[in-house]
C-alpha atoms as a PDB file:
ATOM      1  CA  MET A   1      11.545  -3.069 -43.500  1.00  0.00           C
ATOM      2  CA  THR A   2      12.291  -5.738 -40.880  1.00  0.00           C
ATOM      3  CA  GLY A   3       8.808  -5.034 -39.304  1.00  0.00           C
ATOM      4  CA  LEU A   4       7.084  -5.464 -42.704  1.00  0.00           C
ATOM      5  CA  LEU A   5       9.095  -8.762 -43.199  1.00  0.00           C
ATOM      6  CA  MET A   6       7.876  -9.965 -39.946  1.00  0.00           C
ATOM      7  CA  VAL A   7       4.398  -9.155 -40.628  1.00  0.00           C
ATOM      8  CA  VAL A   8       4.585 -10.921 -43.967  1.00  0.00           C
ATOM      9  CA  VAL A   9       6.224 -14.197 -42.498  1.00  0.00           C
ATOM     10  CA  LEU A  10       3.525 -14.234 -39.784  1.00  0.00           C
ATOM     11  CA  PHE A  11       0.768 -13.774 -42.324  1.00  0.00           C
ATOM     12  CA  LEU A  12       2.281 -16.750 -44.331  1.00  0.00           C
ATOM     13  CA  ALA A  13       2.696 -19.053 -41.122  1.00  0.00           C
ATOM     14  CA  VAL A  14      -1.089 -18.365 -40.139  1.00  0.00           C
ATOM     15  CA  PHE A  15      -2.115 -19.046 -43.917  1.00  0.00           C
ATOM     16  CA  ALA A  16       0.008 -22.287 -44.031  1.00  0.00           C
ATOM     17  CA  ALA A  17      -1.336 -23.564 -40.731  1.00  0.00           C
ATOM     18  CA  ALA A  18      -4.945 -22.874 -42.050  1.00  0.00           C
ATOM     19  CA  GLN A  19      -4.359 -24.839 -45.233  1.00  0.00           C
ATOM     20  CA  ILE A  20      -2.806 -27.759 -43.243  1.00  0.00           C
ATOM     21  CA  MET A  21      -5.990 -28.023 -41.153  1.00  0.00           C
ATOM     22  CA  ARG A  22      -7.957 -27.786 -44.305  1.00  0.00           C
ATOM     23  CA  ILE A  23      -6.053 -30.645 -45.921  1.00  0.00           C
ATOM     24  CA  TYR A  24      -6.617 -32.742 -42.842  1.00  0.00           C
ATOM     25  CA  GLU A  25     -10.403 -32.218 -42.701  1.00  0.00           C
ATOM     26  CA  LEU A  26     -10.628 -33.330 -46.576  1.00  0.00           C
ATOM     27  CA  SER A  27      -8.384 -36.335 -46.000  1.00  0.00           C
ATOM     28  CA  VAL A  28     -10.643 -37.430 -43.188  1.00  0.00           C
ATOM     29  CA  LYS A  29     -13.781 -37.178 -45.528  1.00  0.00           C
ATOM     30  CA  VAL A  30     -11.874 -39.212 -48.161  1.00  0.00           C
ATOM     31  CA  ARG A  31     -11.108 -41.906 -45.635  1.00  0.00           C
ATOM     32  CA  GLN A  32     -14.954 -41.536 -44.621  1.00  0.00           C
ATOM     33  CA  GLU A  33     -14.253 -41.295 -40.968  1.00  0.00           C
ATOM     34  CA  GLU A  34     -16.248 -39.093 -38.750  1.00  0.00           C
ATOM     35  CA  GLU A  35     -14.493 -35.739 -38.368  1.00  0.00           C
ATOM     36  CA  TYR A  36     -15.356 -34.682 -34.913  1.00  0.00           C
ATOM     37  CA  VAL A  37     -15.619 -38.213 -33.030  1.00  0.00           C
ATOM     38  CA  VAL A  38     -12.795 -38.136 -30.263  1.00  0.00           C
ATOM     39  CA  THR A  39     -11.277 -41.732 -29.821  1.00  0.00           C
ATOM     40  CA  ASP A  40      -9.372 -43.362 -27.062  1.00  0.00           C
ATOM     41  CA  LYS A  41      -6.408 -42.993 -29.083  1.00  0.00           C
ATOM     42  CA  ASP A  42      -6.999 -39.234 -29.439  1.00  0.00           C
ATOM     43  CA  ASN A  43      -7.306 -38.912 -25.522  1.00  0.00           C
ATOM     44  CA  SER A  44      -4.213 -40.899 -24.960  1.00  0.00           C
ATOM     45  CA  ASN A  45      -2.168 -38.827 -27.356  1.00  0.00           C
ATOM     46  CA  GLN A  46      -3.535 -35.568 -25.775  1.00  0.00           C
ATOM     47  CA  GLY A  47      -2.884 -36.851 -22.385  1.00  0.00           C
ATOM     48  CA  ARG A  48       0.700 -37.631 -23.273  1.00  0.00           C
ATOM     49  CA  LEU A  49       1.131 -34.362 -24.993  1.00  0.00           C
ATOM     50  CA  MET A  50      -0.390 -32.595 -21.820  1.00  0.00           C
ATOM     51  CA  LEU A  51       2.000 -34.417 -19.624  1.00  0.00           C
ATOM     52  CA  LEU A  52       4.897 -33.620 -21.970  1.00  0.00           C
ATOM     53  CA  PHE A  53       3.985 -29.923 -21.796  1.00  0.00           C
ATOM     54  CA  GLY A  54       3.624 -29.891 -18.078  1.00  0.00           C
ATOM     55  CA  ILE A  55       7.320 -31.362 -17.675  1.00  0.00           C
ATOM     56  CA  GLY A  56       8.439 -28.718 -20.072  1.00  0.00           C
ATOM     57  CA  LEU A  57       6.557 -25.839 -18.114  1.00  0.00           C
ATOM     58  CA  VAL A  58       8.396 -26.937 -14.796  1.00  0.00           C
ATOM     59  CA  VAL A  59      11.778 -27.457 -16.471  1.00  0.00           C
ATOM     60  CA  SER A  60      11.409 -24.113 -18.138  1.00  0.00           C
ATOM     61  CA  PHE A  61      10.680 -22.583 -14.928  1.00  0.00           C
ATOM     62  CA  PHE A  62      13.928 -23.461 -13.509  1.00  0.00           C
ATOM     63  CA  TRP A  63      15.836 -22.637 -16.701  1.00  0.00           C
ATOM     64  CA  MET A  64      14.592 -19.151 -16.647  1.00  0.00           C
ATOM     65  CA  VAL A  65      15.317 -18.780 -12.908  1.00  0.00           C
ATOM     66  CA  ALA A  66      18.946 -19.950 -13.597  1.00  0.00           C
ATOM     67  CA  ALA A  67      19.574 -17.957 -16.814  1.00  0.00           C
ATOM     68  CA  TRP A  68      17.872 -14.708 -15.610  1.00  0.00           C
ATOM     69  CA  ASP A  69      18.459 -14.217 -11.970  1.00  0.00           C
ATOM     70  CA  GLU A  70      21.814 -12.368 -12.642  1.00  0.00           C
ATOM     71  CA  LEU A  71      19.696  -9.626 -14.116  1.00  0.00           C
ATOM     72  CA  ALA A  72      18.009  -9.060 -10.840  1.00  0.00           C
ATOM     73  CA  LEU A  73      18.643  -5.962  -8.723  1.00  0.00           C
ATOM     74  CA  PRO A  74      21.334  -6.284  -6.098  1.00  0.00           C
ATOM     75  CA  LYS A  75      20.609  -6.050  -2.379  1.00  0.00           C
ATOM     76  CA  PRO A  76      18.653  -2.771  -1.422  1.00  0.00           C
ATOM     77  CA  ALA A  77      20.579   0.338  -0.411  1.00  0.00           C
ATOM     78  CA  SER A  78      17.828   1.843   1.688  1.00  0.00           C
ATOM     79  CA  LEU A  79      16.422   1.079   5.234  1.00  0.00           C
ATOM     80  CA  HIS A  80      13.065   0.231   4.117  1.00  0.00           C
ATOM     81  CA  GLY A  81      14.347  -1.588   1.126  1.00  0.00           C
ATOM     82  CA  VAL A  82      15.197  -4.640   3.377  1.00  0.00           C
ATOM     83  CA  GLN A  83      11.633  -5.002   4.452  1.00  0.00           C
ATOM     84  CA  ILE A  84      10.321  -4.693   0.728  1.00  0.00           C
ATOM     85  CA  ASP A  85      12.824  -7.343  -0.343  1.00  0.00           C
ATOM     86  CA  GLN A  86      11.593  -9.689   2.519  1.00  0.00           C
ATOM     87  CA  LEU A  87       7.938  -9.249   1.591  1.00  0.00           C
ATOM     88  CA  TRP A  88       8.730  -9.942  -2.000  1.00  0.00           C
ATOM     89  CA  ASP A  89      10.670 -12.910  -1.138  1.00  0.00           C
ATOM     90  CA  ILE A  90       8.128 -14.462   1.310  1.00  0.00           C
ATOM     91  CA  SER A  91       5.326 -13.842  -1.360  1.00  0.00           C
ATOM     92  CA  MET A  92       7.312 -15.336  -4.329  1.00  0.00           C
ATOM     93  CA  GLY A  93       8.481 -18.142  -2.207  1.00  0.00           C
ATOM     94  CA  LEU A  94       5.003 -19.083  -1.429  1.00  0.00           C
ATOM     95  CA  ILE A  95       3.776 -18.746  -4.820  1.00  0.00           C
ATOM     96  CA  VAL A  96       6.697 -20.811  -6.208  1.00  0.00           C
ATOM     97  CA  VAL A  97       5.973 -23.586  -3.541  1.00  0.00           C
ATOM     98  CA  MET A  98       2.438 -23.867  -4.575  1.00  0.00           C
ATOM     99  CA  PHE A  99       3.329 -23.828  -8.252  1.00  0.00           C
ATOM    100  CA  LEU A 100       5.791 -26.575  -7.946  1.00  0.00           C
ATOM    101  CA  ILE A 101       3.168 -28.616  -6.013  1.00  0.00           C
ATOM    102  CA  ILE A 102      -0.065 -27.883  -8.011  1.00  0.00           C
ATOM    103  CA  GLN A 103       1.234 -27.700 -11.549  1.00  0.00           C
ATOM    104  CA  PRO A 104       2.623 -31.299 -11.748  1.00  0.00           C
ATOM    105  CA  ILE A 105      -0.412 -32.765  -9.907  1.00  0.00           C
ATOM    106  CA  LEU A 106      -2.670 -31.088 -12.597  1.00  0.00           C
ATOM    107  CA  PHE A 107      -0.680 -32.223 -15.518  1.00  0.00           C
ATOM    108  CA  TRP A 108      -0.251 -35.753 -14.072  1.00  0.00           C
ATOM    109  CA  PHE A 109      -4.038 -35.950 -13.264  1.00  0.00           C
ATOM    110  CA  SER A 110      -4.799 -34.707 -16.859  1.00  0.00           C
ATOM    111  CA  TYR A 111      -2.636 -37.621 -18.138  1.00  0.00           C
ATOM    112  CA  LYS A 112      -3.641 -40.406 -15.616  1.00  0.00           C
ATOM    113  CA  TYR A 113      -7.592 -39.699 -15.918  1.00  0.00           C
ATOM    114  CA  ARG A 114      -7.742 -39.099 -19.767  1.00  0.00           C
ATOM    115  CA  GLY A 115     -10.775 -40.304 -21.565  1.00  0.00           C
ATOM    116  CA  ASN A 116     -11.210 -44.087 -21.996  1.00  0.00           C
ATOM    117  CA  LYS A 117     -14.306 -46.027 -22.816  1.00  0.00           C
ATOM    118  CA  ALA A 118     -13.379 -48.639 -20.331  1.00  0.00           C
ATOM    119  CA  ASN A 119     -13.265 -46.417 -17.304  1.00  0.00           C
ATOM    120  CA  LYS A 120     -16.148 -44.752 -15.733  1.00  0.00           C
ATOM    121  CA  ALA A 121     -16.020 -41.563 -13.654  1.00  0.00           C
ATOM    122  CA  THR A 122     -16.703 -41.644  -9.823  1.00  0.00           C
ATOM    123  CA  PHE A 123     -19.742 -39.446  -8.759  1.00  0.00           C
ATOM    124  CA  TYR A 124     -18.447 -37.401  -5.939  1.00  0.00           C
ATOM    125  CA  ALA A 125     -21.020 -34.824  -5.010  1.00  0.00           C
ATOM    126  CA  HIS A 126     -19.755 -33.263  -1.723  1.00  0.00           C
ATOM    127  CA  ASN A 127     -17.251 -33.434   1.219  1.00  0.00           C
ATOM    128  CA  ASP A 128     -17.481 -30.917   3.999  1.00  0.00           C
ATOM    129  CA  LYS A 129     -14.129 -31.505   5.352  1.00  0.00           C
ATOM    130  CA  LEU A 130     -12.252 -30.963   1.992  1.00  0.00           C
ATOM    131  CA  GLU A 131     -14.191 -27.835   1.128  1.00  0.00           C
ATOM    132  CA  LEU A 132     -13.308 -26.635   4.808  1.00  0.00           C
ATOM    133  CA  ILE A 133      -9.580 -27.197   4.262  1.00  0.00           C
ATOM    134  CA  TRP A 134      -9.415 -25.632   0.715  1.00  0.00           C
ATOM    135  CA  THR A 135     -11.418 -22.638   1.993  1.00  0.00           C
ATOM    136  CA  ILE A 136      -9.741 -21.997   5.418  1.00  0.00           C
ATOM    137  CA  VAL A 137      -6.136 -22.637   4.652  1.00  0.00           C
ATOM    138  CA  PRO A 138      -5.814 -20.315   1.626  1.00  0.00           C
ATOM    139  CA  ALA A 139      -7.842 -17.668   3.602  1.00  0.00           C
ATOM    140  CA  ILE A 140      -5.438 -17.765   6.595  1.00  0.00           C
ATOM    141  CA  ALA A 141      -2.348 -17.788   4.173  1.00  0.00           C
ATOM    142  CA  LEU A 142      -3.684 -14.726   2.390  1.00  0.00           C
ATOM    143  CA  ALA A 143      -4.765 -12.935   5.509  1.00  0.00           C
ATOM    144  CA  VAL A 144      -1.235 -13.279   6.880  1.00  0.00           C
ATOM    145  CA  LEU A 145       0.373 -11.959   3.600  1.00  0.00           C
ATOM    146  CA  ILE A 146      -2.176  -8.996   3.519  1.00  0.00           C
ATOM    147  CA  ILE A 147      -1.401  -7.866   7.106  1.00  0.00           C
ATOM    148  CA  TYR A 148       2.309  -8.459   6.610  1.00  0.00           C
ATOM    149  CA  GLY A 149       2.131  -6.224   3.414  1.00  0.00           C
ATOM    150  CA  LEU A 150       0.093  -3.622   5.108  1.00  0.00           C
ATOM    151  CA  THR A 151       2.422  -3.619   8.089  1.00  0.00           C
ATOM    152  CA  THR A 152       5.446  -3.179   5.491  1.00  0.00           C
ATOM    153  CA  TRP A 153       3.526  -0.535   3.424  1.00  0.00           C
ATOM    154  CA  SER A 154       2.799   1.590   6.769  1.00  0.00           C
ATOM    155  CA  ASN A 155       6.426   1.393   7.906  1.00  0.00           C
ATOM    156  CA  THR A 156       7.608   2.370   4.458  1.00  0.00           C
ATOM    157  CA  MET A 157       5.258   5.248   3.962  1.00  0.00           C
ATOM    158  CA  ASN A 158       5.320   6.486   7.734  1.00  0.00           C
ATOM    159  CA  PRO A 159       8.869   5.941   8.543  1.00  0.00           C
ATOM    160  CA  SER A 160       9.762   6.633  12.198  1.00  0.00           C
ATOM    161  CA  THR A 161      13.056   8.588  12.733  1.00  0.00           C
ATOM    162  CA  ASP A 162      14.185  10.869  15.501  1.00  0.00           C
ATOM    163  CA  GLU A 163      16.212  12.759  13.091  1.00  0.00           C
ATOM    164  CA  GLU A 164      14.633  15.574  10.779  1.00  0.00           C
ATOM    165  CA  PRO A 165      14.909  14.453   7.067  1.00  0.00           C
ATOM    166  CA  MET A 166      16.776  16.547   4.661  1.00  0.00           C
ATOM    167  CA  VAL A 167      14.267  17.916   1.957  1.00  0.00           C
ATOM    168  CA  VAL A 168      14.741  17.638  -1.635  1.00  0.00           C
ATOM    169  CA  GLU A 169      12.333  18.411  -4.344  1.00  0.00           C
ATOM    170  CA  VAL A 170      12.470  16.315  -7.559  1.00  0.00           C
ATOM    171  CA  TYR A 171      10.845  18.166 -10.592  1.00  0.00           C
ATOM    172  CA  ALA A 172       9.781  16.269 -13.638  1.00  0.00           C
ATOM    173  CA  GLN A 173       9.171  17.545 -17.164  1.00  0.00           C
ATOM    174  CA  GLN A 174       9.335  15.902 -20.619  1.00  0.00           C
ATOM    175  CA  PHE A 175      11.910  14.577 -20.573  1.00  0.00           C
ATOM    176  CA  LYS A 176      14.533  15.407 -17.682  1.00  0.00           C
ATOM    177  CA  TRP A 177      14.734  15.647 -13.974  1.00  0.00           C
ATOM    178  CA  THR A 178      15.827  18.551 -11.829  1.00  0.00           C
ATOM    179  CA  ALA A 179      16.631  18.437  -8.341  1.00  0.00           C
ATOM    180  CA  ARG A 180      15.967  21.378  -5.902  1.00  0.00           C
ATOM    181  CA  TYR A 181      17.556  21.250  -2.409  1.00  0.00           C
ATOM    182  CA  SER A 182      16.273  23.099   0.602  1.00  0.00           C
ATOM    183  CA  GLY A 183      19.271  24.706   1.609  1.00  0.00           C
ATOM    184  CA  GLU A 184      20.549  25.603   5.207  1.00  0.00           C
ATOM    185  CA  ASP A 185      16.947  26.257   6.265  1.00  0.00           C
ATOM    186  CA  ASN A 186      15.745  22.851   5.202  1.00  0.00           C
ATOM    187  CA  THR A 187      12.619  24.389   3.959  1.00  0.00           C
ATOM    188  CA  LEU A 188      11.739  24.712   0.269  1.00  0.00           C
ATOM    189  CA  GLY A 189      10.772  27.992  -1.115  1.00  0.00           C
ATOM    190  CA  TYR A 190       7.344  28.302  -2.769  1.00  0.00           C
ATOM    191  CA  ALA A 191       7.337  27.321  -6.382  1.00  0.00           C
ATOM    192  CA  ASN A 192       4.532  27.363  -9.023  1.00  0.00           C
ATOM    193  CA  ILE A 193       4.603  26.427 -12.859  1.00  0.00           C
ATOM    194  CA  ARG A 194       3.341  29.914 -13.796  1.00  0.00           C
ATOM    195  CA  LEU A 195       6.604  31.372 -12.339  1.00  0.00           C
ATOM    196  CA  ILE A 196       8.807  29.562 -14.895  1.00  0.00           C
ATOM    197  CA  GLN A 197      10.618  32.117 -16.868  1.00  0.00           C
ATOM    198  CA  GLY A 198      14.114  32.143 -18.246  1.00  0.00           C
ATOM    199  CA  ALA A 199      16.678  30.539 -15.883  1.00  0.00           C
ATOM    200  CA  ASN A 200      13.974  30.051 -13.323  1.00  0.00           C
ATOM    201  CA  THR A 201      13.377  26.508 -14.782  1.00  0.00           C
ATOM    202  CA  VAL A 202      11.290  25.029 -11.823  1.00  0.00           C
ATOM    203  CA  GLY A 203       9.172  28.220 -11.018  1.00  0.00           C
ATOM    204  CA  VAL A 204      10.691  29.273  -7.857  1.00  0.00           C
ATOM    205  CA  ASP A 205       9.153  32.203  -6.273  1.00  0.00           C
ATOM    206  CA  THR A 206      12.115  34.543  -5.527  1.00  0.00           C
ATOM    207  CA  ASN A 207      10.128  36.844  -3.155  1.00  0.00           C
ATOM    208  CA  ASP A 208       9.695  33.922  -0.656  1.00  0.00           C
ATOM    209  CA  ALA A 209      12.187  34.225   2.120  1.00  0.00           C
ATOM    210  CA  ASN A 210      12.702  30.526   2.092  1.00  0.00           C
ATOM    211  CA  SER A 211      13.825  30.343  -1.492  1.00  0.00           C
ATOM    212  CA  GLY A 212      16.991  32.382  -1.316  1.00  0.00           C
ATOM    213  CA  ASP A 213      19.298  29.289  -0.090  1.00  0.00           C
ATOM    214  CA  ASP A 214      17.608  26.741  -2.317  1.00  0.00           C
ATOM    215  CA  PHE A 215      19.874  25.589  -5.012  1.00  0.00           C
ATOM    216  CA  VAL A 216      19.055  23.469  -8.140  1.00  0.00           C
ATOM    217  CA  ALA A 217      21.255  20.382  -9.275  1.00  0.00           C
ATOM    218  CA  THR A 218      21.154  18.175 -12.359  1.00  0.00           C
ATOM    219  CA  GLU A 219      22.621  15.287 -10.061  1.00  0.00           C
ATOM    220  CA  ILE A 220      21.144  14.020  -6.768  1.00  0.00           C
ATOM    221  CA  HIS A 221      23.663  13.833  -3.972  1.00  0.00           C
ATOM    222  CA  LEU A 222      22.655  12.179  -0.720  1.00  0.00           C
ATOM    223  CA  PRO A 223      24.620  11.775   2.405  1.00  0.00           C
ATOM    224  CA  VAL A 224      24.449   8.091   3.666  1.00  0.00           C
ATOM    225  CA  GLY A 225      22.794   7.330   6.773  1.00  0.00           C
ATOM    226  CA  LYS A 226      20.513  10.363   6.630  1.00  0.00           C
ATOM    227  CA  PRO A 227      16.785  10.358   6.083  1.00  0.00           C
ATOM    228  CA  VAL A 228      15.730  12.362   2.919  1.00  0.00           C
ATOM    229  CA  LEU A 229      12.106  13.447   2.307  1.00  0.00           C
ATOM    230  CA  PHE A 230      11.651  13.662  -1.435  1.00  0.00           C
ATOM    231  CA  LYS A 231       8.913  16.140  -2.789  1.00  0.00           C
ATOM    232  CA  PHE A 232       7.736  15.650  -6.459  1.00  0.00           C
ATOM    233  CA  ARG A 233       6.312  17.902  -8.759  1.00  0.00           C
ATOM    234  CA  SER A 234       5.485  17.588 -12.489  1.00  0.00           C
ATOM    235  CA  GLN A 235       5.269  20.317 -15.306  1.00  0.00           C
ATOM    236  CA  ASP A 236       3.537  18.582 -18.009  1.00  0.00           C
ATOM    237  CA  VAL A 237       2.291  14.886 -17.765  1.00  0.00           C
ATOM    238  CA  ILE A 238       2.158  12.182 -15.236  1.00  0.00           C
ATOM    239  CA  HIS A 239       5.847  10.875 -14.653  1.00  0.00           C
ATOM    240  CA  SER A 240       6.755   8.254 -12.062  1.00  0.00           C
ATOM    241  CA  ALA A 241      10.004   8.835 -10.137  1.00  0.00           C
ATOM    242  CA  TYR A 242      11.632   5.305  -9.919  1.00  0.00           C
ATOM    243  CA  MET A 243      14.873   4.569  -7.838  1.00  0.00           C
ATOM    244  CA  PRO A 244      15.071   0.981  -8.054  1.00  0.00           C
ATOM    245  CA  HIS A 245      18.142   0.610  -6.078  1.00  0.00           C
ATOM    246  CA  PHE A 246      16.363   2.051  -3.105  1.00  0.00           C
ATOM    247  CA  ARG A 247      13.022   0.259  -3.663  1.00  0.00           C
ATOM    248  CA  ALA A 248      11.354   3.629  -3.965  1.00  0.00           C
ATOM    249  CA  GLN A 249       8.768   4.976  -6.370  1.00  0.00           C
ATOM    250  CA  MET A 250       6.253   7.871  -6.497  1.00  0.00           C
ATOM    251  CA  ASN A 251       4.278   9.414  -8.958  1.00  0.00           C
ATOM    252  CA  CYS A 252       4.719  13.049 -10.074  1.00  0.00           C
ATOM    253  CA  VAL A 253       1.368  14.640 -10.834  1.00  0.00           C
ATOM    254  CA  PRO A 254       0.735  17.860 -12.353  1.00  0.00           C
ATOM    255  CA  GLY A 255      -0.895  20.146  -9.991  1.00  0.00           C
ATOM    256  CA  MET A 256       0.022  18.406  -6.873  1.00  0.00           C
ATOM    257  CA  GLU A 257       2.782  17.485  -4.674  1.00  0.00           C
ATOM    258  CA  THR A 258       3.466  14.043  -3.745  1.00  0.00           C
ATOM    259  CA  HIS A 259       6.288  12.719  -1.423  1.00  0.00           C
ATOM    260  CA  PHE A 260       8.448   9.703  -0.255  1.00  0.00           C
ATOM    261  CA  GLN A 261      11.069   9.372   2.491  1.00  0.00           C
ATOM    262  CA  PHE A 262      13.803   6.821   2.896  1.00  0.00           C
ATOM    263  CA  THR A 263      17.341   6.546   4.457  1.00  0.00           C
ATOM    264  CA  PRO A 264      20.227   5.498   2.095  1.00  0.00           C
ATOM    265  CA  THR A 265      22.373   2.816   3.843  1.00  0.00           C
ATOM    266  CA  LEU A 266      25.035   2.137   1.102  1.00  0.00           C
ATOM    267  CA  THR A 267      27.395   4.618  -0.522  1.00  0.00           C
ATOM    268  CA  THR A 268      27.966   4.420  -4.279  1.00  0.00           C
ATOM    269  CA  ALA A 269      31.400   3.393  -3.645  1.00  0.00           C
ATOM    270  CA  GLU A 270      30.274   0.588  -1.349  1.00  0.00           C
ATOM    271  CA  ILE A 271      27.746  -0.844  -3.727  1.00  0.00           C
ATOM    272  CA  ARG A 272      30.278  -0.849  -6.493  1.00  0.00           C
ATOM    273  CA  GLN A 273      32.431  -3.420  -4.282  1.00  0.00           C
ATOM    274  CA  ASP A 274      29.468  -5.786  -3.814  1.00  0.00           C
ATOM    275  CA  PRO A 275      30.563  -9.144  -5.471  1.00  0.00           C
ATOM    276  CA  GLU A 276      27.021  -9.255  -7.319  1.00  0.00           C
ATOM    277  CA  VAL A 277      27.543  -5.708  -8.688  1.00  0.00           C
ATOM    278  CA  ILE A 278      31.158  -6.406  -9.617  1.00  0.00           C
ATOM    279  CA  ALA A 279      29.849  -9.696 -11.661  1.00  0.00           C
ATOM    280  CA  LYS A 280      27.138  -7.521 -13.374  1.00  0.00           C
ATOM    281  CA  VAL A 281      29.345  -4.802 -14.244  1.00  0.00           C
ATOM    282  CA  GLU A 282      31.978  -7.375 -15.826  1.00  0.00           C
ATOM    283  CA  ARG A 283      29.281  -8.972 -17.913  1.00  0.00           C
ATOM    284  CA  ILE A 284      28.043  -5.478 -19.105  1.00  0.00           C
ATOM    285  CA  ASN A 285      31.535  -4.239 -19.973  1.00  0.00           C
ATOM    286  CA  ALA A 286      32.363  -7.692 -21.752  1.00  0.00           C
ATOM    287  CA  ILE A 287      29.284  -6.967 -24.219  1.00  0.00           C
ATOM    288  CA  ARG A 288      30.109  -3.282 -24.464  1.00  0.00           C
ATOM    289  CA  SER A 289      33.862  -3.826 -25.225  1.00  0.00           C
ATOM    290  CA  ALA A 290      32.921  -6.227 -27.785  1.00  0.00           C
ATOM    291  CA  LYS A 291      30.852  -3.630 -29.643  1.00  0.00           C
ATOM    292  CA  GLY A 292      33.571  -1.019 -28.996  1.00  0.00           C
ATOM    293  CA  GLN A 293      31.491   1.043 -26.786  1.00  0.00           C
ATOM    294  CA  GLU A 294      32.489   3.054 -23.567  1.00  0.00           C
ATOM    295  CA  LEU A 295      32.737   1.000 -20.610  1.00  0.00           C
ATOM    296  CA  TYR A 296      30.060   1.087 -18.026  1.00  0.00           C
ATOM    297  CA  GLU A 297      30.345   2.118 -14.372  1.00  0.00           C
ATOM    298  CA  TYR A 298      27.483   1.043 -11.927  1.00  0.00           C
ATOM    299  CA  ASP A 299      25.460   3.982 -10.460  1.00  0.00           C
ATOM    300  CA  TYR A 300      22.423   4.415  -8.553  1.00  0.00           C
ATOM    301  CA  ILE A 301      19.812   6.070 -10.934  1.00  0.00           C
ATOM    302  CA  LEU A 302      16.464   7.808 -10.966  1.00  0.00           C
ATOM    303  CA  MET A 303      14.404   7.060 -13.900  1.00  0.00           C
ATOM    304  CA  CYS A 304      10.715   7.625 -15.184  1.00  0.00           C
ATOM    305  CA  ASN A 305       8.547   4.486 -14.828  1.00  0.00           C
ATOM    306  CA  LYS A 306       5.483   6.036 -16.694  1.00  0.00           C
ATOM    307  CA  ILE A 307       5.458   5.962 -20.502  1.00  0.00           C
ATOM    308  CA  CYS A 308       5.561   9.778 -20.698  1.00  0.00           C
ATOM    309  CA  GLY A 309       6.444  10.432 -24.225  1.00  0.00           C
ATOM    310  CA  SER A 310       8.797   9.551 -26.997  1.00  0.00           C
ATOM    311  CA  ALA A 311      12.168  10.004 -25.008  1.00  0.00           C
ATOM    312  CA  HIS A 312      10.690   8.421 -21.906  1.00  0.00           C
ATOM    313  CA  TYR A 313      13.320   5.782 -22.147  1.00  0.00           C
ATOM    314  CA  ASN A 314      16.082   8.129 -21.705  1.00  0.00           C
ATOM    315  CA  MET A 315      14.419  10.350 -18.856  1.00  0.00           C
ATOM    316  CA  GLN A 316      17.034   9.551 -15.983  1.00  0.00           C
ATOM    317  CA  MET A 317      19.405  11.067 -13.529  1.00  0.00           C
ATOM    318  CA  ASN A 318      22.289   9.735 -11.466  1.00  0.00           C
ATOM    319  CA  ILE A 319      22.053   9.536  -7.758  1.00  0.00           C
ATOM    320  CA  VAL A 320      25.365   9.629  -5.703  1.00  0.00           C
ATOM    321  CA  VAL A 321      25.411   8.504  -2.017  1.00  0.00           C
ATOM    322  CA  GLU A 322      28.366   9.673  -0.177  1.00  0.00           C
ATOM    323  CA  ALA A 323      29.954  10.183   3.094  1.00  0.00           C
ATOM    324  CA  GLN A 324      28.614  13.429   5.039  1.00  0.00           C
ATOM    325  CA  ALA A 325      31.980  15.116   4.455  1.00  0.00           C
ATOM    326  CA  ASP A 326      31.851  14.530   0.758  1.00  0.00           C
ATOM    327  CA  TYR A 327      28.242  15.704   0.625  1.00  0.00           C
ATOM    328  CA  ASP A 328      28.993  18.885   2.419  1.00  0.00           C
ATOM    329  CA  ALA A 329      31.900  19.700   0.131  1.00  0.00           C
ATOM    330  CA  TRP A 330      29.499  19.173  -2.950  1.00  0.00           C
ATOM    331  CA  VAL A 331      26.940  21.430  -1.528  1.00  0.00           C
ATOM    332  CA  LYS A 332      29.580  24.223  -0.910  1.00  0.00           C
ATOM    333  CA  GLU A 333      30.109  24.125  -4.746  1.00  0.00           C
ATOM    334  CA  GLN A 334      26.486  24.809  -5.575  1.00  0.00           C
ATOM    335  CA  LYS A 335      25.191  28.264  -6.220  1.00  0.00           C
ATOM    336  CA  THR A 336      21.937  29.210  -4.543  1.00  0.00           C
ATOM    337  CA  ILE A 337      18.851  30.561  -6.095  1.00  0.00           C
ATOM    338  CA  ALA A 338      19.715  34.012  -4.818  1.00  0.00           C
ATOM    339  CA  GLU A 339      23.005  33.855  -6.463  1.00  0.00           C
ATOM    340  CA  THR A 340      21.631  32.668  -9.949  1.00  0.00           C
ATOM    341  CA  LEU A 341      18.226  34.664 -10.362  1.00  0.00           C
END
């Protein structure tokens, strides 16, 4: 009902605007004025409005930064995440600086050089020095950004570590995630969608010698400071495994295996003590408490970042980063594939 009401209101607004324009056109004809002749007064009004809009644009930028900055992610909880954030900060810093230089100049010039019959434009055909400057300077800036970005991408996708990474499979299906750990041999057993049957929800080949010590979990646990190699599969459509707190994302594609490796650097308990996170949780719980809802506790999370269907919004799984001893204790509680199938 609300949607229909909004459509009706929008239609009436457009209709009213059209009628106002029509009344204006008729009034011009009654006054016997030339309808489409632009006067100096019109140019002055438009110039002032343009300048006013430019001021509003810049002011609104600072207002939005102040109002919404608290909604941004906290500091990265992975080794490569620091580099990702540095690349983001440098890129956005350059964009913001150029925005704050160029936009005020554009709007000021639109006002200063507005149309006036007493003024005559200067014909300025060519200037080699200016063209060289506005070609070379942006080219150098973009080249530096691109090279820096490619270096960051290479370091992220090809991490160098002397320690063998722990292998974990993340299996996607509408609309849930399942984690499969590689067990003591750190080698995942063969799996195929055609082998899915009964309790074997991820299609593990039980005849494969590497499958016996694998185990399946509905929550991801990771030891802090240890590299983890995630291998992704999808059962049905393209999903996207997105772990925002670790600055990690990889598509899960039916019929193929993708991978992503990172090293978690902050435990769940540690990130909960971060002042920015504490303030965020307090704001959220103030809203939830006012609505009589259950209080929120900050967790790392895996979510789907592809619109994969009707329940896409709810396709998520908790990620727990903990000390090695706590992780080992959790592993001992899990039942292996050999014990469950």
